[in-house]
Amino acid sequence: MPDDMREWGKMLLTYKFALDEVSTKLNILNEELHFIQNYNPIEHMKTRIKSPESIRDKLLRKGMDVTIENARAHIRDIAGIRVICSFSTDIYRMVEMISKQHDVEVLEIKDYVASPKPNGYQSLHLNVRIPVFLTDHLEHVPVEIQIRTIAMDFWASLEHKIYYKFNEQVPGEIGSQLKEAADLISSLDERMFSLNEQVQKYRTDEV
């Protein structure tokens, strides 16, 4: 990196703090819902911070100089968290609850659940900005939250492996089968949600 590595490290640490803040918010929501409704919408979460090399490559692909200023201004997914839910309805529930928090600024919502990508990819990408209070100043840091179901995550993980296996040039036949699998997964999500609704109805009837 052309800039001082210590400054890059300091910047990435700030993004880690923002990621910690978002993780805490999500855990609080999940635990509160469990207490109130005996139900956890979040199955599990995974966080990640882009490496300096990955940031460099993304800036170069954008045709930009590799600077901290450009990274802050033009890359919103330096800090990312993947939230895996049980059902697609939980995805929108989490988006609504996160968006309503007064210290969360919603930058962008990309809904690939309602409108999947042509290859079948489904997920909701929520870009937010979070305040991080440091020793001598306040920073507002962007974090990307990807929210999807277990089935969607399974498909995305497989697609990612295939994508790199073929060096980003997936043969048409395999691409078609991936799209068919995505349609099956969407149908599975709907069926599992319907099954869960029936289970909840039985519980209500028993009370």
N, C-alpha and C. Protein backbone atom coordinates (compact mmCIF):
# COMPACT_ATOMS: atom_id res chain seq x y z
N MET A 1 0.84 -1.19 0.00
CA MET A 1 0.00 0.00 0.00
C MET A 1 0.88 1.25 0.00
N PRO A 2 0.52 2.28 -0.77
CA PRO A 2 1.33 3.47 -0.84
C PRO A 2 1.28 4.31 0.42
N ASP A 3 0.17 4.25 1.16
CA ASP A 3 0.07 5.00 2.41
C ASP A 3 0.71 4.22 3.55
N ASP A 4 0.90 4.91 4.64
CA ASP A 4 1.50 4.30 5.82
C ASP A 4 0.62 3.16 6.32
N MET A 5 1.23 1.99 6.53
CA MET A 5 0.47 0.81 6.95
C MET A 5 -0.19 1.01 8.30
N ARG A 6 0.42 1.80 9.16
CA ARG A 6 -0.18 2.06 10.47
C ARG A 6 -1.51 2.79 10.32
N GLU A 7 -1.57 3.71 9.37
CA GLU A 7 -2.82 4.43 9.14
C GLU A 7 -3.90 3.51 8.59
N TRP A 8 -3.50 2.59 7.70
CA TRP A 8 -4.45 1.61 7.19
C TRP A 8 -4.95 0.71 8.32
N GLY A 9 -4.05 0.32 9.19
CA GLY A 9 -4.44 -0.52 10.32
C GLY A 9 -5.40 0.20 11.24
N LYS A 10 -5.17 1.49 11.46
CA LYS A 10 -6.05 2.29 12.31
C LYS A 10 -7.44 2.39 11.69
N MET A 11 -7.48 2.60 10.37
CA MET A 11 -8.76 2.68 9.68
C MET A 11 -9.54 1.37 9.80
N LEU A 12 -8.87 0.25 9.55
CA LEU A 12 -9.54 -1.05 9.62
C LEU A 12 -10.01 -1.36 11.03
N LEU A 13 -9.28 -0.88 12.04
CA LEU A 13 -9.70 -1.08 13.41
C LEU A 13 -11.01 -0.35 13.68
N THR A 14 -11.15 0.82 13.10
CA THR A 14 -12.40 1.58 13.24
C THR A 14 -13.56 0.82 12.61
N TYR A 15 -13.31 0.18 11.47
CA TYR A 15 -14.35 -0.62 10.83
C TYR A 15 -14.70 -1.84 11.69
N LYS A 16 -13.72 -2.39 12.36
CA LYS A 16 -13.98 -3.51 13.27
C LYS A 16 -14.89 -3.06 14.41
N PHE A 17 -14.64 -1.86 14.94
CA PHE A 17 -15.48 -1.34 16.02
C PHE A 17 -16.93 -1.18 15.54
N ALA A 18 -17.09 -0.70 14.30
CA ALA A 18 -18.45 -0.55 13.75
C ALA A 18 -19.12 -1.91 13.61
N LEU A 19 -18.35 -2.90 13.19
CA LEU A 19 -18.87 -4.25 13.05
C LEU A 19 -19.28 -4.81 14.42
N ASP A 20 -18.49 -4.53 15.43
CA ASP A 20 -18.84 -4.95 16.79
C ASP A 20 -20.16 -4.33 17.24
N GLU A 21 -20.35 -3.05 16.89
CA GLU A 21 -21.58 -2.34 17.26
C GLU A 21 -22.80 -3.01 16.60
N VAL A 22 -22.68 -3.31 15.32
CA VAL A 22 -23.79 -3.93 14.60
C VAL A 22 -24.08 -5.33 15.14
N SER A 23 -23.03 -6.08 15.42
CA SER A 23 -23.20 -7.43 15.98
C SER A 23 -23.93 -7.37 17.31
N THR A 24 -23.58 -6.41 18.14
CA THR A 24 -24.24 -6.25 19.44
C THR A 24 -25.72 -5.91 19.26
N LYS A 25 -26.01 -5.01 18.32
CA LYS A 25 -27.40 -4.63 18.06
C LYS A 25 -28.22 -5.86 17.64
N LEU A 26 -27.66 -6.65 16.74
CA LEU A 26 -28.38 -7.83 16.24
C LEU A 26 -28.57 -8.87 17.33
N ASN A 27 -27.56 -9.06 18.16
CA ASN A 27 -27.69 -10.02 19.26
C ASN A 27 -28.75 -9.58 20.26
N ILE A 28 -28.81 -8.28 20.52
CA ILE A 28 -29.82 -7.76 21.45
C ILE A 28 -31.22 -8.01 20.90
N LEU A 29 -31.42 -7.71 19.62
CA LEU A 29 -32.73 -7.93 19.00
C LEU A 29 -33.12 -9.41 19.05
N ASN A 30 -32.16 -10.28 18.76
CA ASN A 30 -32.43 -11.71 18.74
C ASN A 30 -32.80 -12.22 20.13
N GLU A 31 -32.06 -11.77 21.15
CA GLU A 31 -32.32 -12.22 22.52
C GLU A 31 -33.63 -11.66 23.05
N GLU A 32 -33.94 -10.41 22.68
CA GLU A 32 -35.19 -9.82 23.13
C GLU A 32 -36.39 -10.56 22.54
N LEU A 33 -36.31 -10.88 21.25
CA LEU A 33 -37.39 -11.62 20.60
C LEU A 33 -37.55 -13.00 21.21
N HIS A 34 -36.43 -13.61 21.59
CA HIS A 34 -36.51 -14.91 22.25
C HIS A 34 -37.23 -14.79 23.59
N PHE A 35 -36.94 -13.72 24.32
CA PHE A 35 -37.57 -13.51 25.63
C PHE A 35 -39.06 -13.22 25.49
N ILE A 36 -39.41 -12.37 24.49
CA ILE A 36 -40.80 -11.95 24.33
C ILE A 36 -41.65 -13.03 23.65
N GLN A 37 -41.11 -13.64 22.61
CA GLN A 37 -41.90 -14.56 21.78
C GLN A 37 -41.39 -15.99 21.77
N ASN A 38 -40.33 -16.24 22.51
CA ASN A 38 -39.70 -17.56 22.52
C ASN A 38 -39.32 -17.99 21.11
N TYR A 39 -38.77 -17.06 20.36
CA TYR A 39 -38.43 -17.32 18.97
C TYR A 39 -37.18 -16.53 18.58
N ASN A 40 -36.22 -17.22 17.95
CA ASN A 40 -34.99 -16.58 17.49
C ASN A 40 -35.00 -16.50 15.96
N PRO A 41 -35.15 -15.30 15.39
CA PRO A 41 -35.13 -15.18 13.93
C PRO A 41 -33.75 -15.40 13.33
N ILE A 42 -32.70 -15.15 14.13
CA ILE A 42 -31.33 -15.29 13.63
C ILE A 42 -30.78 -16.67 14.01
N GLU A 43 -30.40 -17.44 12.99
CA GLU A 43 -29.79 -18.74 13.24
C GLU A 43 -28.31 -18.58 13.61
N HIS A 44 -27.58 -17.78 12.83
CA HIS A 44 -26.20 -17.48 13.16
C HIS A 44 -25.71 -16.29 12.33
N MET A 45 -24.56 -15.75 12.71
CA MET A 45 -23.99 -14.59 12.04
C MET A 45 -22.50 -14.84 11.79
N LYS A 46 -21.99 -14.17 10.76
CA LYS A 46 -20.57 -14.25 10.45
C LYS A 46 -20.08 -12.88 10.03
N THR A 47 -18.99 -12.42 10.62
CA THR A 47 -18.47 -11.10 10.30
C THR A 47 -17.15 -11.22 9.54
N ARG A 48 -16.80 -10.15 8.81
CA ARG A 48 -15.52 -10.12 8.13
C ARG A 48 -15.12 -8.68 7.82
N ILE A 49 -13.81 -8.43 7.82
CA ILE A 49 -13.23 -7.16 7.42
C ILE A 49 -12.38 -7.41 6.18
N LYS A 50 -12.57 -6.59 5.15
CA LYS A 50 -11.76 -6.75 3.94
C LYS A 50 -10.28 -6.53 4.27
N SER A 51 -9.43 -7.31 3.63
CA SER A 51 -7.99 -7.15 3.80
C SER A 51 -7.52 -5.93 3.01
N PRO A 52 -6.38 -5.36 3.37
CA PRO A 52 -5.83 -4.24 2.58
C PRO A 52 -5.67 -4.60 1.11
N GLU A 53 -5.27 -5.85 0.84
CA GLU A 53 -5.10 -6.28 -0.55
C GLU A 53 -6.43 -6.28 -1.31
N SER A 54 -7.49 -6.74 -0.63
CA SER A 54 -8.81 -6.77 -1.26
C SER A 54 -9.32 -5.35 -1.51
N ILE A 55 -9.06 -4.45 -0.58
CA ILE A 55 -9.45 -3.05 -0.76
C ILE A 55 -8.70 -2.44 -1.94
N ARG A 56 -7.40 -2.72 -1.99
CA ARG A 56 -6.57 -2.22 -3.10
C ARG A 56 -7.12 -2.69 -4.44
N ASP A 57 -7.41 -3.99 -4.53
CA ASP A 57 -7.89 -4.56 -5.80
C ASP A 57 -9.22 -3.94 -6.22
N LYS A 58 -10.09 -3.69 -5.24
CA LYS A 58 -11.40 -3.12 -5.57
C LYS A 58 -11.26 -1.68 -6.05
N LEU A 59 -10.38 -0.91 -5.42
CA LEU A 59 -10.16 0.46 -5.85
C LEU A 59 -9.57 0.50 -7.27
N LEU A 60 -8.64 -0.41 -7.55
CA LEU A 60 -8.04 -0.47 -8.88
C LEU A 60 -9.07 -0.84 -9.93
N ARG A 61 -9.99 -1.77 -9.59
CA ARG A 61 -11.05 -2.14 -10.53
C ARG A 61 -11.97 -0.96 -10.82
N LYS A 62 -12.10 -0.08 -9.84
CA LYS A 62 -12.91 1.12 -10.01
C LYS A 62 -12.15 2.24 -10.72
N GLY A 63 -10.85 1.98 -11.01
CA GLY A 63 -10.04 2.98 -11.67
C GLY A 63 -9.62 4.12 -10.76
N MET A 64 -9.45 3.82 -9.47
CA MET A 64 -9.13 4.86 -8.49
C MET A 64 -7.76 4.63 -7.88
N ASP A 65 -7.15 5.71 -7.38
CA ASP A 65 -5.89 5.60 -6.66
C ASP A 65 -6.13 4.89 -5.34
N VAL A 66 -5.12 4.15 -4.90
CA VAL A 66 -5.25 3.39 -3.66
C VAL A 66 -4.88 4.30 -2.49
N THR A 67 -5.90 4.93 -1.92
CA THR A 67 -5.72 5.82 -0.78
C THR A 67 -6.79 5.53 0.27
N ILE A 68 -6.50 5.89 1.49
CA ILE A 68 -7.47 5.72 2.57
C ILE A 68 -8.72 6.54 2.28
N GLU A 69 -8.52 7.74 1.76
CA GLU A 69 -9.66 8.62 1.45
C GLU A 69 -10.59 7.98 0.43
N ASN A 70 -10.04 7.38 -0.60
CA ASN A 70 -10.86 6.72 -1.62
C ASN A 70 -11.55 5.49 -1.05
N ALA A 71 -10.85 4.75 -0.20
CA ALA A 71 -11.44 3.57 0.42
C ALA A 71 -12.65 3.96 1.27
N ARG A 72 -12.51 5.00 2.06
CA ARG A 72 -13.61 5.46 2.91
C ARG A 72 -14.79 5.96 2.07
N ALA A 73 -14.48 6.66 1.00
CA ALA A 73 -15.52 7.32 0.22
C ALA A 73 -16.25 6.40 -0.75
N HIS A 74 -15.56 5.37 -1.24
CA HIS A 74 -16.11 4.62 -2.36
C HIS A 74 -16.33 3.13 -2.11
N ILE A 75 -15.94 2.62 -0.95
CA ILE A 75 -16.16 1.20 -0.66
C ILE A 75 -17.00 1.08 0.61
N ARG A 76 -18.19 0.54 0.45
CA ARG A 76 -19.13 0.45 1.58
C ARG A 76 -19.12 -0.90 2.27
N ASP A 77 -18.41 -1.87 1.69
CA ASP A 77 -18.45 -3.21 2.27
C ASP A 77 -17.10 -3.62 2.87
N ILE A 78 -16.32 -2.64 3.34
CA ILE A 78 -15.07 -2.98 4.04
C ILE A 78 -15.40 -3.81 5.28
N ALA A 79 -16.44 -3.39 5.99
CA ALA A 79 -16.95 -4.17 7.12
C ALA A 79 -18.24 -4.84 6.70
N GLY A 80 -18.32 -6.15 6.88
CA GLY A 80 -19.51 -6.87 6.47
C GLY A 80 -19.94 -7.90 7.48
N ILE A 81 -21.24 -8.09 7.58
CA ILE A 81 -21.78 -9.13 8.47
C ILE A 81 -22.88 -9.88 7.73
N ARG A 82 -22.82 -11.19 7.78
CA ARG A 82 -23.83 -12.04 7.14
C ARG A 82 -24.74 -12.59 8.22
N VAL A 83 -26.03 -12.35 8.06
CA VAL A 83 -27.03 -12.78 9.04
C VAL A 83 -27.88 -13.86 8.39
N ILE A 84 -27.89 -15.03 9.01
CA ILE A 84 -28.66 -16.17 8.47
C ILE A 84 -29.92 -16.35 9.29
N CYS A 85 -31.07 -16.26 8.62
CA CYS A 85 -32.36 -16.39 9.28
C CYS A 85 -33.03 -17.71 8.91
N SER A 86 -34.06 -18.04 9.66
CA SER A 86 -34.80 -19.28 9.38
C SER A 86 -35.70 -19.13 8.16
N PHE A 87 -36.42 -18.00 8.09
CA PHE A 87 -37.41 -17.82 7.03
C PHE A 87 -37.25 -16.46 6.36
N SER A 88 -37.76 -16.36 5.13
CA SER A 88 -37.62 -15.10 4.38
C SER A 88 -38.35 -13.95 5.08
N THR A 89 -39.44 -14.26 5.80
CA THR A 89 -40.14 -13.20 6.53
C THR A 89 -39.25 -12.59 7.62
N ASP A 90 -38.35 -13.41 8.18
CA ASP A 90 -37.42 -12.91 9.20
C ASP A 90 -36.47 -11.88 8.61
N ILE A 91 -36.14 -12.02 7.33
CA ILE A 91 -35.23 -11.08 6.67
C ILE A 91 -35.78 -9.67 6.76
N TYR A 92 -37.04 -9.51 6.37
CA TYR A 92 -37.65 -8.18 6.36
C TYR A 92 -37.92 -7.68 7.78
N ARG A 93 -38.17 -8.61 8.67
CA ARG A 93 -38.37 -8.22 10.06
C ARG A 93 -37.10 -7.62 10.64
N MET A 94 -35.96 -8.24 10.34
CA MET A 94 -34.69 -7.73 10.84
C MET A 94 -34.36 -6.37 10.21
N VAL A 95 -34.62 -6.23 8.91
CA VAL A 95 -34.38 -4.95 8.24
C VAL A 95 -35.19 -3.84 8.89
N GLU A 96 -36.45 -4.12 9.16
CA GLU A 96 -37.32 -3.11 9.77
C GLU A 96 -36.82 -2.71 11.15
N MET A 97 -36.45 -3.68 11.97
CA MET A 97 -36.01 -3.37 13.33
C MET A 97 -34.68 -2.61 13.34
N ILE A 98 -33.76 -3.01 12.47
CA ILE A 98 -32.46 -2.32 12.41
C ILE A 98 -32.65 -0.89 11.92
N SER A 99 -33.47 -0.72 10.89
CA SER A 99 -33.65 0.59 10.28
C SER A 99 -34.31 1.59 11.21
N LYS A 100 -35.08 1.11 12.18
CA LYS A 100 -35.80 1.99 13.09
C LYS A 100 -34.91 2.54 14.21
N GLN A 101 -33.72 1.99 14.38
CA GLN A 101 -32.86 2.45 15.47
C GLN A 101 -32.32 3.84 15.14
N HIS A 102 -32.40 4.75 16.11
CA HIS A 102 -32.14 6.17 15.83
C HIS A 102 -30.70 6.46 15.45
N ASP A 103 -29.76 5.61 15.85
CA ASP A 103 -28.36 5.86 15.53
C ASP A 103 -27.88 5.10 14.29
N VAL A 104 -28.82 4.49 13.59
CA VAL A 104 -28.50 3.76 12.36
C VAL A 104 -28.98 4.56 11.15
N GLU A 105 -28.07 4.88 10.26
CA GLU A 105 -28.42 5.59 9.03
C GLU A 105 -28.41 4.58 7.87
N VAL A 106 -29.55 4.38 7.26
CA VAL A 106 -29.65 3.47 6.13
C VAL A 106 -29.16 4.18 4.87
N LEU A 107 -28.13 3.62 4.25
CA LEU A 107 -27.57 4.20 3.03
C LEU A 107 -28.20 3.63 1.76
N GLU A 108 -28.44 2.32 1.79
CA GLU A 108 -28.96 1.66 0.58
C GLU A 108 -29.50 0.28 0.93
N ILE A 109 -30.54 -0.12 0.23
CA ILE A 109 -31.09 -1.47 0.35
C ILE A 109 -31.13 -2.10 -1.03
N LYS A 110 -30.49 -3.25 -1.16
CA LYS A 110 -30.55 -4.02 -2.41
C LYS A 110 -31.28 -5.33 -2.09
N ASP A 111 -32.49 -5.46 -2.61
CA ASP A 111 -33.33 -6.61 -2.27
C ASP A 111 -33.27 -7.65 -3.39
N TYR A 112 -32.35 -8.59 -3.23
CA TYR A 112 -32.24 -9.69 -4.19
C TYR A 112 -33.10 -10.89 -3.77
N VAL A 113 -33.93 -10.69 -2.74
CA VAL A 113 -34.90 -11.72 -2.37
C VAL A 113 -36.16 -11.51 -3.19
N ALA A 114 -36.66 -10.29 -3.19
CA ALA A 114 -37.84 -9.96 -4.00
C ALA A 114 -37.50 -9.99 -5.49
N SER A 115 -36.27 -9.59 -5.83
CA SER A 115 -35.83 -9.58 -7.23
C SER A 115 -34.46 -10.26 -7.33
N PRO A 116 -34.44 -11.59 -7.43
CA PRO A 116 -33.16 -12.32 -7.49
C PRO A 116 -32.33 -11.90 -8.69
N LYS A 117 -31.00 -12.06 -8.57
CA LYS A 117 -30.12 -11.82 -9.71
C LYS A 117 -30.40 -12.86 -10.80
N PRO A 118 -30.02 -12.57 -12.05
CA PRO A 118 -30.29 -13.51 -13.15
C PRO A 118 -29.76 -14.92 -12.90
N ASN A 119 -28.66 -15.06 -12.14
CA ASN A 119 -28.11 -16.39 -11.90
C ASN A 119 -28.84 -17.13 -10.77
N GLY A 120 -29.80 -16.45 -10.12
CA GLY A 120 -30.57 -17.09 -9.05
C GLY A 120 -30.20 -16.63 -7.66
N TYR A 121 -29.16 -15.82 -7.52
CA TYR A 121 -28.70 -15.35 -6.20
C TYR A 121 -29.80 -14.60 -5.48
N GLN A 122 -30.01 -14.98 -4.20
CA GLN A 122 -31.00 -14.31 -3.36
C GLN A 122 -30.36 -13.91 -2.03
N SER A 123 -30.56 -12.67 -1.65
CA SER A 123 -30.09 -12.14 -0.38
C SER A 123 -30.55 -10.70 -0.32
N LEU A 124 -30.63 -10.15 0.88
CA LEU A 124 -30.92 -8.74 1.01
C LEU A 124 -29.69 -8.05 1.56
N HIS A 125 -29.21 -7.02 0.84
CA HIS A 125 -28.03 -6.28 1.26
C HIS A 125 -28.48 -4.94 1.83
N LEU A 126 -28.18 -4.74 3.09
CA LEU A 126 -28.53 -3.51 3.79
C LEU A 126 -27.25 -2.76 4.14
N ASN A 127 -27.05 -1.61 3.51
CA ASN A 127 -25.88 -0.79 3.80
C ASN A 127 -26.27 0.30 4.79
N VAL A 128 -25.59 0.31 5.92
CA VAL A 128 -25.91 1.29 6.97
C VAL A 128 -24.64 2.03 7.39
N ARG A 129 -24.84 3.13 8.11
CA ARG A 129 -23.71 3.85 8.69
C ARG A 129 -23.92 3.90 10.19
N ILE A 130 -22.84 3.59 10.94
CA ILE A 130 -22.92 3.45 12.39
C ILE A 130 -21.95 4.44 13.05
N PRO A 131 -22.37 5.14 14.13
CA PRO A 131 -21.44 6.02 14.84
C PRO A 131 -20.46 5.21 15.70
N VAL A 132 -19.21 5.54 15.60
CA VAL A 132 -18.17 4.90 16.43
C VAL A 132 -17.48 6.00 17.23
N PHE A 133 -17.57 5.90 18.56
CA PHE A 133 -16.97 6.89 19.45
C PHE A 133 -15.56 6.46 19.82
N LEU A 134 -14.59 7.20 19.30
CA LEU A 134 -13.19 6.92 19.59
C LEU A 134 -12.70 7.83 20.71
N THR A 135 -11.43 7.73 21.07
CA THR A 135 -10.92 8.47 22.23
C THR A 135 -11.02 9.98 22.06
N ASP A 136 -10.84 10.46 20.83
CA ASP A 136 -10.81 11.91 20.63
C ASP A 136 -11.75 12.43 19.57
N HIS A 137 -12.55 11.54 18.94
CA HIS A 137 -13.49 12.01 17.93
C HIS A 137 -14.52 10.95 17.60
N LEU A 138 -15.53 11.37 16.85
CA LEU A 138 -16.60 10.47 16.42
C LEU A 138 -16.48 10.22 14.93
N GLU A 139 -16.65 8.95 14.53
CA GLU A 139 -16.66 8.61 13.11
C GLU A 139 -17.95 7.86 12.78
N HIS A 140 -18.48 8.13 11.59
CA HIS A 140 -19.64 7.39 11.10
C HIS A 140 -19.14 6.42 10.04
N VAL A 141 -19.28 5.13 10.32
CA VAL A 141 -18.63 4.09 9.53
C VAL A 141 -19.67 3.22 8.83
N PRO A 142 -19.51 2.99 7.52
CA PRO A 142 -20.45 2.13 6.80
C PRO A 142 -20.21 0.64 7.08
N VAL A 143 -21.30 -0.09 7.15
CA VAL A 143 -21.25 -1.54 7.33
C VAL A 143 -22.28 -2.16 6.39
N GLU A 144 -21.88 -3.22 5.71
CA GLU A 144 -22.83 -3.95 4.86
C GLU A 144 -23.38 -5.15 5.62
N ILE A 145 -24.71 -5.25 5.69
CA ILE A 145 -25.37 -6.38 6.34
C ILE A 145 -26.06 -7.20 5.26
N GLN A 146 -25.63 -8.44 5.10
CA GLN A 146 -26.28 -9.36 4.17
C GLN A 146 -27.19 -10.28 4.98
N ILE A 147 -28.46 -10.30 4.61
CA ILE A 147 -29.43 -11.12 5.35
C ILE A 147 -30.07 -12.11 4.38
N ARG A 148 -30.02 -13.39 4.74
CA ARG A 148 -30.58 -14.43 3.88
C ARG A 148 -31.03 -15.62 4.72
N THR A 149 -31.76 -16.54 4.11
CA THR A 149 -32.18 -17.75 4.83
C THR A 149 -31.07 -18.80 4.77
N ILE A 150 -31.26 -19.86 5.54
CA ILE A 150 -30.29 -20.96 5.54
C ILE A 150 -30.16 -21.55 4.14
N ALA A 151 -31.29 -21.74 3.47
CA ALA A 151 -31.28 -22.33 2.13
C ALA A 151 -30.58 -21.41 1.14
N MET A 152 -30.85 -20.11 1.21
CA MET A 152 -30.19 -19.14 0.34
C MET A 152 -28.69 -19.13 0.57
N ASP A 153 -28.29 -19.25 1.82
CA ASP A 153 -26.86 -19.23 2.15
C ASP A 153 -26.16 -20.47 1.62
N PHE A 154 -26.84 -21.62 1.69
CA PHE A 154 -26.28 -22.86 1.16
C PHE A 154 -26.03 -22.72 -0.34
N TRP A 155 -27.02 -22.17 -1.06
CA TRP A 155 -26.87 -21.98 -2.51
C TRP A 155 -25.74 -21.01 -2.81
N ALA A 156 -25.69 -19.89 -2.10
CA ALA A 156 -24.67 -18.87 -2.36
C ALA A 156 -23.27 -19.41 -2.12
N SER A 157 -23.13 -20.24 -1.09
CA SER A 157 -21.82 -20.83 -0.79
C SER A 157 -21.37 -21.76 -1.90
N LEU A 158 -22.29 -22.57 -2.41
CA LEU A 158 -21.97 -23.49 -3.51
C LEU A 158 -21.65 -22.71 -4.78
N GLU A 159 -22.45 -21.69 -5.08
CA GLU A 159 -22.24 -20.88 -6.28
C GLU A 159 -20.89 -20.19 -6.24
N HIS A 160 -20.51 -19.72 -5.06
CA HIS A 160 -19.22 -19.04 -4.89
C HIS A 160 -18.06 -19.98 -5.21
N LYS A 161 -18.15 -21.22 -4.74
CA LYS A 161 -17.10 -22.21 -5.00
C LYS A 161 -17.01 -22.55 -6.49
N ILE A 162 -18.17 -22.72 -7.12
CA ILE A 162 -18.20 -23.04 -8.55
C ILE A 162 -17.66 -21.87 -9.37
N TYR A 163 -18.04 -20.67 -8.97
CA TYR A 163 -17.63 -19.45 -9.67
C TYR A 163 -16.12 -19.36 -9.77
N TYR A 164 -15.43 -19.65 -8.67
CA TYR A 164 -13.97 -19.56 -8.67
C TYR A 164 -13.30 -20.81 -9.23
N LYS A 165 -14.01 -21.92 -9.16
CA LYS A 165 -13.49 -23.15 -9.75
C LYS A 165 -13.28 -22.97 -11.25
N PHE A 166 -14.22 -22.26 -11.88
CA PHE A 166 -14.15 -22.03 -13.32
C PHE A 166 -13.58 -20.65 -13.66
N ASN A 167 -12.89 -20.05 -12.71
CA ASN A 167 -12.25 -18.76 -12.93
C ASN A 167 -13.25 -17.73 -13.49
N GLU A 168 -14.42 -17.71 -12.86
CA GLU A 168 -15.49 -16.75 -13.16
C GLU A 168 -16.19 -17.00 -14.50
N GLN A 169 -15.81 -18.07 -15.22
CA GLN A 169 -16.43 -18.40 -16.51
C GLN A 169 -17.21 -19.71 -16.36
N VAL A 170 -18.38 -19.65 -15.73
CA VAL A 170 -19.17 -20.84 -15.46
C VAL A 170 -19.82 -21.33 -16.76
N PRO A 171 -19.63 -22.61 -17.12
CA PRO A 171 -20.27 -23.15 -18.34
C PRO A 171 -21.79 -22.98 -18.29
N GLY A 172 -22.38 -22.76 -19.46
CA GLY A 172 -23.82 -22.50 -19.54
C GLY A 172 -24.68 -23.55 -18.89
N GLU A 173 -24.33 -24.84 -19.10
CA GLU A 173 -25.13 -25.94 -18.54
C GLU A 173 -25.13 -25.90 -17.01
N ILE A 174 -23.94 -25.66 -16.43
CA ILE A 174 -23.85 -25.59 -14.97
C ILE A 174 -24.57 -24.36 -14.45
N GLY A 175 -24.46 -23.25 -15.18
CA GLY A 175 -25.18 -22.04 -14.80
C GLY A 175 -26.69 -22.27 -14.78
N SER A 176 -27.18 -23.00 -15.76
CA SER A 176 -28.61 -23.30 -15.83
C SER A 176 -29.05 -24.16 -14.66
N GLN A 177 -28.21 -25.14 -14.31
CA GLN A 177 -28.54 -26.01 -13.18
C GLN A 177 -28.52 -25.24 -11.86
N LEU A 178 -27.59 -24.28 -11.75
CA LEU A 178 -27.56 -23.44 -10.55
C LEU A 178 -28.83 -22.61 -10.44
N LYS A 179 -29.28 -22.09 -11.57
CA LYS A 179 -30.52 -21.30 -11.57
C LYS A 179 -31.70 -22.17 -11.18
N GLU A 180 -31.76 -23.40 -11.68
CA GLU A 180 -32.84 -24.32 -11.31
C GLU A 180 -32.79 -24.63 -9.82
N ALA A 181 -31.57 -24.81 -9.30
CA ALA A 181 -31.42 -25.09 -7.87
C ALA A 181 -31.90 -23.90 -7.04
N ALA A 182 -31.62 -22.68 -7.52
CA ALA A 182 -32.07 -21.48 -6.82
C ALA A 182 -33.60 -21.43 -6.77
N ASP A 183 -34.25 -21.81 -7.88
CA ASP A 183 -35.72 -21.84 -7.91
C ASP A 183 -36.27 -22.87 -6.93
N LEU A 184 -35.59 -24.02 -6.85
CA LEU A 184 -36.00 -25.06 -5.91
C LEU A 184 -35.84 -24.58 -4.46
N ILE A 185 -34.76 -23.86 -4.20
CA ILE A 185 -34.50 -23.35 -2.86
C ILE A 185 -35.56 -22.32 -2.47
N SER A 186 -35.95 -21.48 -3.43
CA SER A 186 -37.00 -20.51 -3.17
C SER A 186 -38.31 -21.22 -2.82
N SER A 187 -38.61 -22.29 -3.56
CA SER A 187 -39.81 -23.07 -3.28
C SER A 187 -39.72 -23.75 -1.92
N LEU A 188 -38.50 -24.23 -1.58
CA LEU A 188 -38.29 -24.88 -0.28
C LEU A 188 -38.51 -23.89 0.86
N ASP A 189 -38.01 -22.67 0.70
CA ASP A 189 -38.21 -21.64 1.73
C ASP A 189 -39.69 -21.39 1.97
N GLU A 190 -40.46 -21.31 0.89
CA GLU A 190 -41.89 -21.07 1.00
C GLU A 190 -42.58 -22.23 1.71
N ARG A 191 -42.15 -23.45 1.37
CA ARG A 191 -42.77 -24.63 1.96
C ARG A 191 -42.46 -24.74 3.45
N MET A 192 -41.21 -24.46 3.82
CA MET A 192 -40.82 -24.53 5.22
C MET A 192 -41.52 -23.46 6.04
N PHE A 193 -41.71 -22.27 5.43
CA PHE A 193 -42.44 -21.21 6.13
C PHE A 193 -43.89 -21.64 6.36
N SER A 194 -44.51 -22.24 5.34
CA SER A 194 -45.89 -22.71 5.47
C SER A 194 -45.99 -23.77 6.56
N LEU A 195 -45.01 -24.68 6.59
CA LEU A 195 -44.99 -25.72 7.62
C LEU A 195 -44.86 -25.12 9.00
N ASN A 196 -44.00 -24.11 9.14
CA ASN A 196 -43.82 -23.45 10.43
C ASN A 196 -45.11 -22.76 10.88
N GLU A 197 -45.83 -22.16 9.93
CA GLU A 197 -47.10 -21.52 10.25
C GLU A 197 -48.10 -22.53 10.79
N GLN A 198 -48.11 -23.72 10.20
CA GLN A 198 -49.01 -24.77 10.69
C GLN A 198 -48.65 -25.19 12.10
N VAL A 199 -47.34 -25.30 12.36
CA VAL A 199 -46.88 -25.67 13.70
C VAL A 199 -47.31 -24.62 14.72
N GLN A 200 -47.16 -23.34 14.35
CA GLN A 200 -47.54 -22.26 15.26
C GLN A 200 -49.05 -22.27 15.53
N LYS A 201 -49.82 -22.65 14.53
CA LYS A 201 -51.27 -22.70 14.71
C LYS A 201 -51.64 -23.80 15.70
N TYR A 202 -50.96 -24.94 15.61
CA TYR A 202 -51.22 -26.02 16.57
C TYR A 202 -50.88 -25.58 17.98
N ARG A 203 -49.78 -24.86 18.12
CA ARG A 203 -49.40 -24.38 19.46
C ARG A 203 -50.46 -23.43 20.02
N THR A 204 -50.99 -22.56 19.15
CA THR A 204 -52.00 -21.60 19.58
C THR A 204 -53.27 -22.32 20.00
N ASP A 205 -53.66 -23.32 19.22
CA ASP A 205 -54.87 -24.07 19.51
C ASP A 205 -54.78 -24.83 20.83
N GLU A 206 -53.54 -25.21 21.19
CA GLU A 206 -53.36 -26.00 22.43
C GLU A 206 -53.41 -25.14 23.68
N VAL A 207 -53.19 -23.82 23.53
CA VAL A 207 -53.17 -22.93 24.70
C VAL A 207 -54.59 -22.73 25.22
